[in-house]
Amino acid sequence: MKRLILATAFVLATGAAYAADVLQEAPVAASFDWTGAYIGVNAGGGWGTFKHTTNTSPIEIDVSASGFLGGIQAGYNWQSGQVVYGVETDFQAADIKGDLSFPITILQTKVDRFGTLRGRIGFTPADRFMVYGTGGLAYGHFKTEINNGAINGSKTKAGWTVGAGAEYAINANWTIKSEYLYTDLGKSDVITFGPNTLTDKIAFHTVRVGLNYKF
């Protein structure tokens, strides 16, 4: 009996030591590293209120605008612990427009392209998942038509943008994201007809989803 107990104890001790060695030598799955360059595509929608005033009238004409957008983005991230920071630029083709009709189109304003250059700072509460805030420079091209295009004008204007988003790494190279931005291109004199100057104030919201490839 004593020999059996000693033999059993020896086997258990040897097995425990072997198991400990295996656990120490077993590779640990590496967490996702956000550091690196990426490029991708996106699509979504935009909406806002475009405001119009003239220098000869106190009346402001507001039109509700909405439409689709799609484009490309590229950027670079650096990760330090659970903090990720980086820079991103994007360019969008858009059809965000609003009009005033009775029943013909009296006034129409449309943002047909815009882009941003933004900083991003994020936090990774879980492996492969990041939430972030973003903000920076925006620019865009918009045009206004009066009386079905009889009078028209366009402008390219710089402004600012701010927003937030979330991104998830599908694997070592591909990530998906969802993002909200508020973009303000400020005021611009767009059309001059006789003594009148039409001024547009362009600001809008966008929500989009994107797919990135990380190098």
C-alpha atoms as a PDB file:
ATOM      1  CA  MET A   1       0.000   0.000   0.000  1.00  0.00           C
ATOM      2  CA  LYS A   2       2.789   2.416   0.960  1.00  0.00           C
ATOM      3  CA  ARG A   3       4.560   1.712  -2.335  1.00  0.00           C
ATOM      4  CA  LEU A   4       1.317   2.348  -4.263  1.00  0.00           C
ATOM      5  CA  ILE A   5       0.777   5.675  -2.508  1.00  0.00           C
ATOM      6  CA  LEU A   6       4.371   6.743  -3.199  1.00  0.00           C
ATOM      7  CA  ALA A   7       4.089   5.710  -6.851  1.00  0.00           C
ATOM      8  CA  THR A   8       0.809   7.603  -7.258  1.00  0.00           C
ATOM      9  CA  ALA A   9       2.281  10.716  -5.649  1.00  0.00           C
ATOM     10  CA  PHE A  10       5.293  10.524  -7.962  1.00  0.00           C
ATOM     11  CA  VAL A  11       3.107  10.220 -11.064  1.00  0.00           C
ATOM     12  CA  LEU A  12       0.906  13.155  -9.978  1.00  0.00           C
ATOM     13  CA  ALA A  13       3.914  15.326  -9.186  1.00  0.00           C
ATOM     14  CA  THR A  14       5.584  14.487 -12.492  1.00  0.00           C
ATOM     15  CA  GLY A  15       2.362  15.168 -14.403  1.00  0.00           C
ATOM     16  CA  ALA A  16       1.842  18.504 -12.666  1.00  0.00           C
ATOM     17  CA  ALA A  17       5.409  19.568 -13.443  1.00  0.00           C
ATOM     18  CA  TYR A  18       5.008  18.541 -17.086  1.00  0.00           C
ATOM     19  CA  ALA A  19       1.710  20.423 -17.367  1.00  0.00           C
ATOM     20  CA  ALA A  20       3.298  23.551 -15.907  1.00  0.00           C
ATOM     21  CA  ASP A  21       6.130  23.334 -18.440  1.00  0.00           C
ATOM     22  CA  VAL A  22       3.639  22.958 -21.296  1.00  0.00           C
ATOM     23  CA  LEU A  23       1.634  25.995 -20.120  1.00  0.00           C
ATOM     24  CA  GLN A  24       4.786  28.073 -19.848  1.00  0.00           C
ATOM     25  CA  GLU A  25       5.962  27.087 -23.326  1.00  0.00           C
ATOM     26  CA  ALA A  26       2.556  27.367 -25.042  1.00  0.00           C
ATOM     27  CA  PRO A  27       2.367  30.429 -27.307  1.00  0.00           C
ATOM     28  CA  VAL A  28      -0.062  33.157 -26.196  1.00  0.00           C
ATOM     29  CA  ALA A  29      -2.329  34.520 -28.890  1.00  0.00           C
ATOM     30  CA  ALA A  30      -1.191  38.054 -29.698  1.00  0.00           C
ATOM     31  CA  SER A  31      -3.756  40.858 -29.408  1.00  0.00           C
ATOM     32  CA  PHE A  32      -4.585  42.915 -32.504  1.00  0.00           C
ATOM     33  CA  ASP A  33      -2.181  45.805 -33.149  1.00  0.00           C
ATOM     34  CA  TRP A  34      -3.798  48.881 -34.728  1.00  0.00           C
ATOM     35  CA  THR A  35      -0.439  50.427 -35.672  1.00  0.00           C
ATOM     36  CA  GLY A  36       0.031  50.807 -39.421  1.00  0.00           C
ATOM     37  CA  ALA A  37      -1.285  52.307 -42.643  1.00  0.00           C
ATOM     38  CA  TYR A  38      -4.690  51.494 -44.137  1.00  0.00           C
ATOM     39  CA  ILE A  39      -6.902  52.314 -47.109  1.00  0.00           C
ATOM     40  CA  GLY A  40     -10.578  51.667 -47.659  1.00  0.00           C
ATOM     41  CA  VAL A  41     -14.001  52.526 -49.054  1.00  0.00           C
ATOM     42  CA  ASN A  42     -17.202  53.819 -47.483  1.00  0.00           C
ATOM     43  CA  ALA A  43     -20.850  54.602 -48.207  1.00  0.00           C
ATOM     44  CA  GLY A  44     -23.675  56.258 -46.329  1.00  0.00           C
ATOM     45  CA  GLY A  45     -26.034  59.183 -46.208  1.00  0.00           C
ATOM     46  CA  GLY A  46     -26.166  62.833 -45.251  1.00  0.00           C
ATOM     47  CA  TRP A  47     -28.759  65.350 -44.131  1.00  0.00           C
ATOM     48  CA  GLY A  48     -28.974  68.929 -42.894  1.00  0.00           C
ATOM     49  CA  THR A  49     -30.550  72.355 -43.332  1.00  0.00           C
ATOM     50  CA  PHE A  50     -29.068  74.657 -45.962  1.00  0.00           C
ATOM     51  CA  LYS A  51     -29.696  78.338 -45.215  1.00  0.00           C
ATOM     52  CA  HIS A  52     -29.962  81.140 -47.777  1.00  0.00           C
ATOM     53  CA  THR A  53     -30.003  84.921 -47.298  1.00  0.00           C
ATOM     54  CA  THR A  54     -29.625  87.976 -49.531  1.00  0.00           C
ATOM     55  CA  ASN A  55     -28.126  91.381 -48.827  1.00  0.00           C
ATOM     56  CA  THR A  56     -31.405  93.093 -49.753  1.00  0.00           C
ATOM     57  CA  SER A  57     -33.834  91.095 -47.589  1.00  0.00           C
ATOM     58  CA  PRO A  58     -33.966  90.067 -43.921  1.00  0.00           C
ATOM     59  CA  ILE A  59     -35.776  86.853 -44.848  1.00  0.00           C
ATOM     60  CA  GLU A  60     -33.833  83.587 -44.508  1.00  0.00           C
ATOM     61  CA  ILE A  61     -34.839  80.693 -46.736  1.00  0.00           C
ATOM     62  CA  ASP A  62     -34.073  77.275 -45.243  1.00  0.00           C
ATOM     63  CA  VAL A  63     -34.294  74.008 -47.177  1.00  0.00           C
ATOM     64  CA  SER A  64     -34.022  70.515 -45.729  1.00  0.00           C
ATOM     65  CA  ALA A  65     -31.405  68.491 -47.576  1.00  0.00           C
ATOM     66  CA  SER A  66     -30.593  64.792 -47.714  1.00  0.00           C
ATOM     67  CA  GLY A  67     -28.941  62.259 -49.977  1.00  0.00           C
ATOM     68  CA  PHE A  68     -26.350  59.561 -50.489  1.00  0.00           C
ATOM     69  CA  LEU A  69     -22.560  59.642 -50.433  1.00  0.00           C
ATOM     70  CA  GLY A  70     -19.669  57.297 -51.061  1.00  0.00           C
ATOM     71  CA  GLY A  71     -15.924  57.522 -51.246  1.00  0.00           C
ATOM     72  CA  ILE A  72     -12.489  56.405 -50.160  1.00  0.00           C
ATOM     73  CA  GLN A  73     -10.332  56.944 -47.086  1.00  0.00           C
ATOM     74  CA  ALA A  74      -6.720  56.364 -46.058  1.00  0.00           C
ATOM     75  CA  GLY A  75      -4.802  56.872 -42.851  1.00  0.00           C
ATOM     76  CA  TYR A  76      -2.225  55.752 -40.334  1.00  0.00           C
ATOM     77  CA  ASN A  77      -2.603  54.639 -36.704  1.00  0.00           C
ATOM     78  CA  TRP A  78      -0.222  54.368 -33.776  1.00  0.00           C
ATOM     79  CA  GLN A  79      -1.118  52.298 -30.705  1.00  0.00           C
ATOM     80  CA  SER A  80       0.185  52.753 -27.160  1.00  0.00           C
ATOM     81  CA  GLY A  81      -1.432  50.359 -24.691  1.00  0.00           C
ATOM     82  CA  GLN A  82      -5.183  50.707 -25.104  1.00  0.00           C
ATOM     83  CA  VAL A  83      -4.893  54.151 -26.722  1.00  0.00           C
ATOM     84  CA  VAL A  84      -4.861  54.502 -30.511  1.00  0.00           C
ATOM     85  CA  TYR A  85      -4.168  57.787 -32.263  1.00  0.00           C
ATOM     86  CA  GLY A  86      -3.711  58.650 -35.905  1.00  0.00           C
ATOM     87  CA  VAL A  87      -4.635  60.733 -38.932  1.00  0.00           C
ATOM     88  CA  GLU A  88      -7.138  60.051 -41.709  1.00  0.00           C
ATOM     89  CA  THR A  89      -8.137  61.719 -44.971  1.00  0.00           C
ATOM     90  CA  ASP A  90     -11.138  60.946 -47.162  1.00  0.00           C
ATOM     91  CA  PHE A  91     -12.852  62.137 -50.325  1.00  0.00           C
ATOM     92  CA  GLN A  92     -16.581  61.727 -50.996  1.00  0.00           C
ATOM     93  CA  ALA A  93     -18.843  61.965 -54.027  1.00  0.00           C
ATOM     94  CA  ALA A  94     -22.244  63.125 -52.774  1.00  0.00           C
ATOM     95  CA  ASP A  95     -25.808  63.958 -53.736  1.00  0.00           C
ATOM     96  CA  ILE A  96     -26.922  65.826 -50.611  1.00  0.00           C
ATOM     97  CA  LYS A  97     -29.510  68.285 -51.879  1.00  0.00           C
ATOM     98  CA  GLY A  98     -32.537  70.292 -50.829  1.00  0.00           C
ATOM     99  CA  ASP A  99     -34.992  72.381 -52.838  1.00  0.00           C
ATOM    100  CA  LEU A 100     -37.925  74.751 -52.625  1.00  0.00           C
ATOM    101  CA  SER A 101     -40.615  74.027 -55.250  1.00  0.00           C
ATOM    102  CA  PHE A 102     -43.987  75.685 -56.163  1.00  0.00           C
ATOM    103  CA  PRO A 103     -44.332  73.330 -58.157  1.00  0.00           C
ATOM    104  CA  ILE A 104     -41.286  74.154 -60.264  1.00  0.00           C
ATOM    105  CA  THR A 105     -37.961  74.313 -58.486  1.00  0.00           C
ATOM    106  CA  ILE A 106     -37.546  77.878 -57.243  1.00  0.00           C
ATOM    107  CA  LEU A 107     -34.348  77.192 -55.348  1.00  0.00           C
ATOM    108  CA  GLN A 108     -32.062  74.151 -55.097  1.00  0.00           C
ATOM    109  CA  THR A 109     -28.732  73.682 -53.320  1.00  0.00           C
ATOM    110  CA  LYS A 110     -26.600  70.544 -53.552  1.00  0.00           C
ATOM    111  CA  VAL A 111     -23.308  69.356 -52.055  1.00  0.00           C
ATOM    112  CA  ASP A 112     -21.806  67.160 -54.769  1.00  0.00           C
ATOM    113  CA  ARG A 113     -18.347  66.437 -53.302  1.00  0.00           C
ATOM    114  CA  PHE A 114     -16.422  67.003 -50.114  1.00  0.00           C
ATOM    115  CA  GLY A 115     -13.492  65.688 -48.135  1.00  0.00           C
ATOM    116  CA  THR A 116     -11.809  65.863 -44.747  1.00  0.00           C
ATOM    117  CA  LEU A 117      -8.377  65.704 -43.118  1.00  0.00           C
ATOM    118  CA  ARG A 118      -8.803  64.633 -39.485  1.00  0.00           C
ATOM    119  CA  GLY A 119      -7.000  63.495 -36.407  1.00  0.00           C
ATOM    120  CA  ARG A 120      -8.357  60.454 -34.561  1.00  0.00           C
ATOM    121  CA  ILE A 121      -7.918  59.305 -30.983  1.00  0.00           C
ATOM    122  CA  GLY A 122      -9.427  56.044 -29.789  1.00  0.00           C
ATOM    123  CA  PHE A 123      -9.655  53.557 -26.963  1.00  0.00           C
ATOM    124  CA  THR A 124      -9.771  49.753 -27.173  1.00  0.00           C
ATOM    125  CA  PRO A 125     -12.069  48.409 -24.415  1.00  0.00           C
ATOM    126  CA  ALA A 126     -11.708  44.929 -25.917  1.00  0.00           C
ATOM    127  CA  ASP A 127      -9.290  43.242 -28.274  1.00  0.00           C
ATOM    128  CA  ARG A 128     -10.035  44.054 -31.936  1.00  0.00           C
ATOM    129  CA  PHE A 129     -12.632  46.712 -31.015  1.00  0.00           C
ATOM    130  CA  MET A 130     -12.009  50.468 -30.912  1.00  0.00           C
ATOM    131  CA  VAL A 131     -14.165  53.514 -30.234  1.00  0.00           C
ATOM    132  CA  TYR A 132     -12.820  56.911 -31.255  1.00  0.00           C
ATOM    133  CA  GLY A 133     -13.382  60.619 -31.609  1.00  0.00           C
ATOM    134  CA  THR A 134     -12.274  62.562 -34.671  1.00  0.00           C
ATOM    135  CA  GLY A 135     -12.078  66.113 -35.962  1.00  0.00           C
ATOM    136  CA  GLY A 136     -10.250  68.478 -38.269  1.00  0.00           C
ATOM    137  CA  LEU A 137     -10.386  70.232 -41.630  1.00  0.00           C
ATOM    138  CA  ALA A 138     -13.233  69.845 -44.120  1.00  0.00           C
ATOM    139  CA  TYR A 139     -13.721  71.173 -47.638  1.00  0.00           C
ATOM    140  CA  GLY A 140     -16.528  70.841 -50.118  1.00  0.00           C
ATOM    141  CA  HIS A 141     -18.090  71.947 -53.390  1.00  0.00           C
ATOM    142  CA  PHE A 142     -21.733  73.003 -53.534  1.00  0.00           C
ATOM    143  CA  LYS A 143     -23.969  74.736 -56.048  1.00  0.00           C
ATOM    144  CA  THR A 144     -27.238  76.646 -55.996  1.00  0.00           C
ATOM    145  CA  GLU A 145     -29.772  77.089 -58.791  1.00  0.00           C
ATOM    146  CA  ILE A 146     -32.665  79.573 -58.952  1.00  0.00           C
ATOM    147  CA  ASN A 147     -35.731  79.229 -61.202  1.00  0.00           C
ATOM    148  CA  ASN A 148     -34.829  75.775 -62.536  1.00  0.00           C
ATOM    149  CA  GLY A 149     -31.227  76.725 -63.247  1.00  0.00           C
ATOM    150  CA  ALA A 150     -31.891  80.043 -64.998  1.00  0.00           C
ATOM    151  CA  ILE A 151     -29.576  81.613 -62.393  1.00  0.00           C
ATOM    152  CA  ASN A 152     -26.888  79.505 -60.781  1.00  0.00           C
ATOM    153  CA  GLY A 153     -23.577  79.578 -59.005  1.00  0.00           C
ATOM    154  CA  SER A 154     -21.173  77.290 -57.189  1.00  0.00           C
ATOM    155  CA  LYS A 155     -18.433  77.475 -54.594  1.00  0.00           C
ATOM    156  CA  THR A 156     -15.615  75.409 -53.101  1.00  0.00           C
ATOM    157  CA  LYS A 157     -15.227  76.213 -49.419  1.00  0.00           C
ATOM    158  CA  ALA A 158     -13.115  75.058 -46.477  1.00  0.00           C
ATOM    159  CA  GLY A 159     -14.570  74.476 -43.023  1.00  0.00           C
ATOM    160  CA  TRP A 160     -14.371  72.029 -40.149  1.00  0.00           C
ATOM    161  CA  THR A 161     -15.739  68.666 -39.057  1.00  0.00           C
ATOM    162  CA  VAL A 162     -16.081  66.671 -35.839  1.00  0.00           C
ATOM    163  CA  GLY A 163     -17.517  63.267 -35.001  1.00  0.00           C
ATOM    164  CA  ALA A 164     -17.094  59.809 -33.538  1.00  0.00           C
ATOM    165  CA  GLY A 165     -17.061  56.181 -34.590  1.00  0.00           C
ATOM    166  CA  ALA A 166     -16.366  52.544 -33.816  1.00  0.00           C
ATOM    167  CA  GLU A 167     -14.140  50.073 -35.645  1.00  0.00           C
ATOM    168  CA  TYR A 168     -13.725  46.302 -35.431  1.00  0.00           C
ATOM    169  CA  ALA A 169     -10.874  44.158 -36.765  1.00  0.00           C
ATOM    170  CA  ILE A 170     -12.245  41.132 -38.634  1.00  0.00           C
ATOM    171  CA  ASN A 171      -8.773  39.631 -38.946  1.00  0.00           C
ATOM    172  CA  ALA A 172      -5.147  40.778 -39.170  1.00  0.00           C
ATOM    173  CA  ASN A 173      -5.792  42.921 -42.261  1.00  0.00           C
ATOM    174  CA  TRP A 174      -9.477  43.810 -42.604  1.00  0.00           C
ATOM    175  CA  THR A 175     -11.511  46.136 -40.387  1.00  0.00           C
ATOM    176  CA  ILE A 176     -15.054  47.482 -40.576  1.00  0.00           C
ATOM    177  CA  LYS A 177     -16.227  50.796 -39.136  1.00  0.00           C
ATOM    178  CA  SER A 178     -19.274  52.963 -38.561  1.00  0.00           C
ATOM    179  CA  GLU A 179     -18.840  56.733 -38.270  1.00  0.00           C
ATOM    180  CA  TYR A 180     -20.809  59.937 -37.668  1.00  0.00           C
ATOM    181  CA  LEU A 181     -19.536  63.389 -38.715  1.00  0.00           C
ATOM    182  CA  TYR A 182     -20.918  66.908 -38.448  1.00  0.00           C
ATOM    183  CA  THR A 183     -19.452  69.114 -41.185  1.00  0.00           C
ATOM    184  CA  ASP A 184     -19.700  72.916 -41.359  1.00  0.00           C
ATOM    185  CA  LEU A 185     -18.528  74.718 -44.505  1.00  0.00           C
ATOM    186  CA  GLY A 186     -19.599  78.147 -43.227  1.00  0.00           C
ATOM    187  CA  LYS A 187     -21.084  80.988 -45.284  1.00  0.00           C
ATOM    188  CA  SER A 188     -20.307  81.843 -48.911  1.00  0.00           C
ATOM    189  CA  ASP A 189     -21.591  84.351 -51.448  1.00  0.00           C
ATOM    190  CA  VAL A 190     -22.680  82.097 -54.302  1.00  0.00           C
ATOM    191  CA  ILE A 191     -24.811  84.090 -56.730  1.00  0.00           C
ATOM    192  CA  THR A 192     -24.908  87.794 -57.642  1.00  0.00           C
ATOM    193  CA  PHE A 193     -27.829  89.024 -59.772  1.00  0.00           C
ATOM    194  CA  GLY A 194     -28.333  92.768 -60.102  1.00  0.00           C
ATOM    195  CA  PRO A 195     -27.999  94.388 -56.676  1.00  0.00           C
ATOM    196  CA  ASN A 196     -28.676  91.081 -54.927  1.00  0.00           C
ATOM    197  CA  THR A 197     -26.114  88.678 -53.515  1.00  0.00           C
ATOM    198  CA  LEU A 198     -27.257  85.230 -52.398  1.00  0.00           C
ATOM    199  CA  THR A 199     -25.311  83.795 -49.468  1.00  0.00           C
ATOM    200  CA  ASP A 200     -25.416  80.096 -48.568  1.00  0.00           C
ATOM    201  CA  LYS A 201     -24.673  78.606 -45.160  1.00  0.00           C
ATOM    202  CA  ILE A 202     -23.824  74.936 -45.583  1.00  0.00           C
ATOM    203  CA  ALA A 203     -23.712  72.476 -42.673  1.00  0.00           C
ATOM    204  CA  PHE A 204     -24.732  68.827 -42.649  1.00  0.00           C
ATOM    205  CA  HIS A 205     -24.548  65.501 -40.815  1.00  0.00           C
ATOM    206  CA  THR A 206     -23.266  62.245 -42.297  1.00  0.00           C
ATOM    207  CA  VAL A 207     -23.396  58.617 -41.192  1.00  0.00           C
ATOM    208  CA  ARG A 208     -21.379  56.039 -43.095  1.00  0.00           C
ATOM    209  CA  VAL A 209     -19.997  52.527 -42.893  1.00  0.00           C
ATOM    210  CA  GLY A 210     -16.573  51.612 -44.192  1.00  0.00           C
ATOM    211  CA  LEU A 211     -14.245  48.731 -44.941  1.00  0.00           C
ATOM    212  CA  ASN A 212     -10.477  49.165 -44.478  1.00  0.00           C
ATOM    213  CA  TYR A 213      -7.460  47.111 -45.474  1.00  0.00           C
ATOM    214  CA  LYS A 214      -4.548  47.449 -43.015  1.00  0.00           C
ATOM    215  CA  PHE A 215      -1.061  46.931 -44.396  1.00  0.00           C
END
